[in-house]
Every structure is written in structure tokens, then in C-alpha cells.
Amino acid sequence: MSQTLRDRVIQTLIKFKTISEENMNEAIILQKKKDLGILEHKKVIGMVGRFVKEKGYLDLLEAFVLVRRKHPEAVLLLVAPQDKA
């Protein structure tokens, strides 16, 4: 992921901090998708956290393969902090 796209994703998610009825209306969701360059008809599955084994990313990726079989339009959005190493 390019630094520019990474920055856009992070800024969009920062503005979308918590899930609540207030920020889950259709107009807001469509705008967030647009901000991230995701077509509005796409279904998005997301996870935010450090990329470490304990977070279960391998399980998520395996599950996403199954999701894509039934929903080929699905998008997986993974967001993690930049590694300082």
C-alpha cells in the first residue's frame, strides 16, 4: 500500500472512530467508501490492529477466501500502524 493510500485510510478511520447508530447511516458509509476508493456496491470487511499472529489475521484471511466464494465483490480492508523497525 502506498504511503498516500495508507494515510487516506488512517485519516478516514480516525474520523470514523467508533461504531454507533449515528455514524452507521447509509450516507456516511457511502462517503467513507468513496474516500477510500471503494466502489459503493462493494461489501467491506475490515480489521484494525497490529499485524501480529495473536490478532488472528491468518484466520481472517482463511475466512475471507470463503466469503469471496459467495460474495466475489467483497473487499477486505486491513489497517495497522506502521512498523517502527
N, C-alpha and C. Protein backbone atom coordinates (compact mmCIF):
# COMPACT_ATOMS: atom_id res chain seq x y z
N MET A 1 0.86 -1.17 0.00
CA MET A 1 0.00 0.00 0.00
C MET A 1 0.90 1.23 0.00
N SER A 2 0.60 2.16 -0.87
CA SER A 2 1.41 3.37 -0.93
C SER A 2 1.19 4.20 0.34
N GLN A 3 2.16 5.04 0.64
CA GLN A 3 2.05 5.89 1.83
C GLN A 3 0.83 6.81 1.74
N THR A 4 0.56 7.31 0.53
CA THR A 4 -0.59 8.20 0.35
C THR A 4 -1.90 7.47 0.64
N LEU A 5 -2.05 6.26 0.09
CA LEU A 5 -3.27 5.49 0.35
C LEU A 5 -3.35 5.13 1.82
N ARG A 6 -2.24 4.73 2.41
CA ARG A 6 -2.22 4.40 3.84
C ARG A 6 -2.68 5.59 4.67
N ASP A 7 -2.18 6.77 4.35
CA ASP A 7 -2.57 7.98 5.07
C ASP A 7 -4.07 8.27 4.91
N ARG A 8 -4.60 8.06 3.69
CA ARG A 8 -6.04 8.28 3.46
C ARG A 8 -6.87 7.32 4.29
N VAL A 9 -6.45 6.06 4.33
CA VAL A 9 -7.19 5.06 5.11
C VAL A 9 -7.17 5.45 6.58
N ILE A 10 -6.01 5.78 7.10
CA ILE A 10 -5.89 6.14 8.52
C ILE A 10 -6.72 7.37 8.84
N GLN A 11 -6.65 8.39 8.03
CA GLN A 11 -7.42 9.61 8.30
C GLN A 11 -8.91 9.33 8.25
N THR A 12 -9.34 8.50 7.30
CA THR A 12 -10.76 8.16 7.21
C THR A 12 -11.20 7.40 8.44
N LEU A 13 -10.39 6.44 8.88
CA LEU A 13 -10.76 5.65 10.06
C LEU A 13 -10.71 6.47 11.34
N ILE A 14 -9.79 7.40 11.44
CA ILE A 14 -9.73 8.26 12.61
C ILE A 14 -11.04 9.05 12.74
N LYS A 15 -11.54 9.53 11.62
CA LYS A 15 -12.79 10.28 11.64
C LYS A 15 -13.99 9.38 11.93
N PHE A 16 -13.81 8.08 11.76
CA PHE A 16 -14.89 7.10 11.88
C PHE A 16 -14.68 6.22 13.11
N LYS A 17 -14.03 6.76 14.13
CA LYS A 17 -13.52 6.06 15.30
C LYS A 17 -14.36 4.91 15.84
N THR A 18 -15.61 5.17 16.12
CA THR A 18 -16.41 4.16 16.80
C THR A 18 -17.65 3.82 15.99
N ILE A 19 -18.16 2.65 16.24
CA ILE A 19 -19.39 2.24 15.59
C ILE A 19 -20.55 2.67 16.48
N SER A 20 -21.43 3.43 15.90
CA SER A 20 -22.63 3.84 16.61
C SER A 20 -23.73 4.05 15.58
N GLU A 21 -24.92 4.09 16.04
CA GLU A 21 -26.05 4.32 15.13
C GLU A 21 -25.86 5.62 14.37
N GLU A 22 -25.28 6.59 15.04
CA GLU A 22 -25.07 7.92 14.46
C GLU A 22 -24.13 7.89 13.26
N ASN A 23 -23.07 7.08 13.30
CA ASN A 23 -22.13 7.08 12.18
C ASN A 23 -22.27 5.86 11.27
N MET A 24 -23.37 5.15 11.39
CA MET A 24 -23.59 3.98 10.54
C MET A 24 -24.73 4.18 9.55
N ASN A 25 -25.10 5.41 9.28
CA ASN A 25 -26.16 5.60 8.29
C ASN A 25 -25.59 5.45 6.88
N GLU A 26 -26.45 5.17 5.93
CA GLU A 26 -26.03 4.85 4.57
C GLU A 26 -25.19 5.95 3.93
N ALA A 27 -25.55 7.19 4.12
CA ALA A 27 -24.81 8.30 3.51
C ALA A 27 -23.38 8.35 4.01
N ILE A 28 -23.18 8.16 5.29
CA ILE A 28 -21.83 8.19 5.86
C ILE A 28 -21.02 7.01 5.36
N ILE A 29 -21.61 5.84 5.33
CA ILE A 29 -20.90 4.65 4.85
C ILE A 29 -20.49 4.84 3.39
N LEU A 30 -21.37 5.34 2.56
CA LEU A 30 -21.04 5.56 1.16
C LEU A 30 -19.93 6.59 1.01
N GLN A 31 -19.95 7.63 1.83
CA GLN A 31 -18.89 8.64 1.76
C GLN A 31 -17.55 8.05 2.18
N LYS A 32 -17.53 7.22 3.22
CA LYS A 32 -16.28 6.59 3.66
C LYS A 32 -15.73 5.68 2.57
N LYS A 33 -16.61 4.93 1.91
CA LYS A 33 -16.16 4.09 0.81
C LYS A 33 -15.55 4.95 -0.30
N LYS A 34 -16.21 6.04 -0.62
CA LYS A 34 -15.70 6.94 -1.65
C LYS A 34 -14.33 7.49 -1.25
N ASP A 35 -14.20 7.90 0.00
CA ASP A 35 -12.93 8.43 0.50
C ASP A 35 -11.79 7.43 0.34
N LEU A 36 -12.12 6.14 0.46
CA LEU A 36 -11.11 5.08 0.37
C LEU A 36 -10.99 4.49 -1.03
N GLY A 37 -11.77 4.99 -1.97
CA GLY A 37 -11.70 4.48 -3.33
C GLY A 37 -12.36 3.12 -3.51
N ILE A 38 -13.34 2.82 -2.66
CA ILE A 38 -14.06 1.54 -2.74
C ILE A 38 -15.41 1.81 -3.39
N LEU A 39 -15.72 1.05 -4.43
CA LEU A 39 -17.00 1.24 -5.12
C LEU A 39 -18.16 1.01 -4.16
N GLU A 40 -19.21 1.80 -4.32
CA GLU A 40 -20.29 1.78 -3.32
C GLU A 40 -21.03 0.46 -3.22
N HIS A 41 -21.04 -0.36 -4.27
CA HIS A 41 -21.75 -1.64 -4.20
C HIS A 41 -20.94 -2.74 -3.51
N LYS A 42 -19.66 -2.47 -3.24
CA LYS A 42 -18.80 -3.48 -2.62
C LYS A 42 -19.11 -3.62 -1.13
N LYS A 43 -19.08 -4.85 -0.65
CA LYS A 43 -19.21 -5.12 0.78
C LYS A 43 -17.81 -5.10 1.37
N VAL A 44 -17.65 -4.48 2.53
CA VAL A 44 -16.34 -4.32 3.14
C VAL A 44 -16.29 -5.05 4.48
N ILE A 45 -15.25 -5.86 4.62
CA ILE A 45 -14.93 -6.49 5.90
C ILE A 45 -13.62 -5.88 6.34
N GLY A 46 -13.55 -5.39 7.55
CA GLY A 46 -12.34 -4.71 7.99
C GLY A 46 -11.85 -5.15 9.34
N MET A 47 -10.56 -4.92 9.54
CA MET A 47 -9.95 -5.21 10.84
C MET A 47 -8.84 -4.18 11.06
N VAL A 48 -8.80 -3.65 12.26
CA VAL A 48 -7.79 -2.66 12.62
C VAL A 48 -6.99 -3.21 13.79
N GLY A 49 -5.68 -3.23 13.66
CA GLY A 49 -4.83 -3.70 14.74
C GLY A 49 -3.43 -4.00 14.22
N ARG A 50 -2.53 -4.24 15.14
CA ARG A 50 -1.16 -4.59 14.74
C ARG A 50 -1.17 -5.91 13.99
N PHE A 51 -0.28 -6.05 13.00
CA PHE A 51 -0.18 -7.30 12.25
C PHE A 51 0.70 -8.28 13.02
N VAL A 52 0.09 -8.93 13.99
CA VAL A 52 0.78 -9.95 14.78
C VAL A 52 -0.09 -11.20 14.82
N LYS A 53 0.56 -12.34 14.99
CA LYS A 53 -0.12 -13.63 14.95
C LYS A 53 -1.32 -13.68 15.91
N GLU A 54 -1.14 -13.11 17.09
CA GLU A 54 -2.16 -13.19 18.13
C GLU A 54 -3.49 -12.52 17.74
N LYS A 55 -3.45 -11.63 16.77
CA LYS A 55 -4.67 -10.92 16.36
C LYS A 55 -5.58 -11.77 15.47
N GLY A 56 -5.08 -12.91 14.99
CA GLY A 56 -5.93 -13.81 14.20
C GLY A 56 -6.06 -13.46 12.73
N TYR A 57 -5.09 -12.76 12.18
CA TYR A 57 -5.18 -12.38 10.77
C TYR A 57 -5.20 -13.59 9.84
N LEU A 58 -4.46 -14.64 10.17
CA LEU A 58 -4.48 -15.83 9.31
C LEU A 58 -5.88 -16.44 9.26
N ASP A 59 -6.55 -16.48 10.41
CA ASP A 59 -7.93 -16.97 10.45
C ASP A 59 -8.83 -16.08 9.60
N LEU A 60 -8.64 -14.79 9.73
CA LEU A 60 -9.44 -13.85 8.94
C LEU A 60 -9.23 -14.05 7.45
N LEU A 61 -7.98 -14.21 7.03
CA LEU A 61 -7.70 -14.42 5.61
C LEU A 61 -8.31 -15.72 5.10
N GLU A 62 -8.23 -16.77 5.90
CA GLU A 62 -8.86 -18.04 5.51
C GLU A 62 -10.38 -17.88 5.40
N ALA A 63 -10.96 -17.17 6.33
CA ALA A 63 -12.41 -16.94 6.30
C ALA A 63 -12.79 -16.07 5.10
N PHE A 64 -11.95 -15.10 4.78
CA PHE A 64 -12.26 -14.21 3.67
C PHE A 64 -12.27 -14.96 2.34
N VAL A 65 -11.44 -15.98 2.20
CA VAL A 65 -11.47 -16.81 0.99
C VAL A 65 -12.86 -17.42 0.83
N LEU A 66 -13.43 -17.88 1.93
CA LEU A 66 -14.78 -18.47 1.89
C LEU A 66 -15.82 -17.41 1.56
N VAL A 67 -15.68 -16.24 2.15
CA VAL A 67 -16.61 -15.13 1.87
C VAL A 67 -16.58 -14.79 0.39
N ARG A 68 -15.38 -14.70 -0.19
CA ARG A 68 -15.26 -14.31 -1.60
C ARG A 68 -15.90 -15.32 -2.54
N ARG A 69 -15.96 -16.58 -2.13
CA ARG A 69 -16.61 -17.58 -2.97
C ARG A 69 -18.09 -17.28 -3.15
N LYS A 70 -18.72 -16.81 -2.09
CA LYS A 70 -20.16 -16.47 -2.16
C LYS A 70 -20.40 -15.02 -2.54
N HIS A 71 -19.43 -14.16 -2.23
CA HIS A 71 -19.58 -12.72 -2.47
C HIS A 71 -18.31 -12.19 -3.12
N PRO A 72 -18.14 -12.43 -4.42
CA PRO A 72 -16.89 -12.03 -5.09
C PRO A 72 -16.64 -10.52 -5.09
N GLU A 73 -17.66 -9.75 -4.79
CA GLU A 73 -17.50 -8.29 -4.74
C GLU A 73 -16.97 -7.80 -3.39
N ALA A 74 -16.78 -8.71 -2.44
CA ALA A 74 -16.33 -8.32 -1.10
C ALA A 74 -14.90 -7.79 -1.13
N VAL A 75 -14.65 -6.85 -0.22
CA VAL A 75 -13.33 -6.22 -0.08
C VAL A 75 -12.86 -6.42 1.35
N LEU A 76 -11.60 -6.76 1.50
CA LEU A 76 -11.01 -6.89 2.84
C LEU A 76 -10.12 -5.69 3.09
N LEU A 77 -10.40 -4.95 4.15
CA LEU A 77 -9.64 -3.75 4.48
C LEU A 77 -8.93 -3.99 5.81
N LEU A 78 -7.60 -4.08 5.76
CA LEU A 78 -6.79 -4.29 6.96
C LEU A 78 -5.97 -3.02 7.22
N VAL A 79 -6.02 -2.56 8.44
CA VAL A 79 -5.30 -1.34 8.78
C VAL A 79 -4.46 -1.61 10.02
N ALA A 80 -3.19 -1.23 9.95
CA ALA A 80 -2.28 -1.44 11.07
C ALA A 80 -1.32 -0.26 11.17
N PRO A 81 -0.80 -0.02 12.35
CA PRO A 81 0.19 1.05 12.47
C PRO A 81 1.45 0.68 11.74
N GLN A 82 2.20 1.69 11.31
CA GLN A 82 3.46 1.46 10.61
C GLN A 82 4.48 0.89 11.58
N ASP A 83 5.19 -0.14 11.15
CA ASP A 83 6.23 -0.76 11.97
C ASP A 83 7.39 0.21 12.11
N LYS A 84 7.84 0.43 13.32
CA LYS A 84 8.92 1.38 13.58
C LYS A 84 10.31 0.77 13.36
N ALA A 85 10.37 -0.53 13.04
CA ALA A 85 11.66 -1.22 12.88
C ALA A 85 12.45 -0.78 11.70
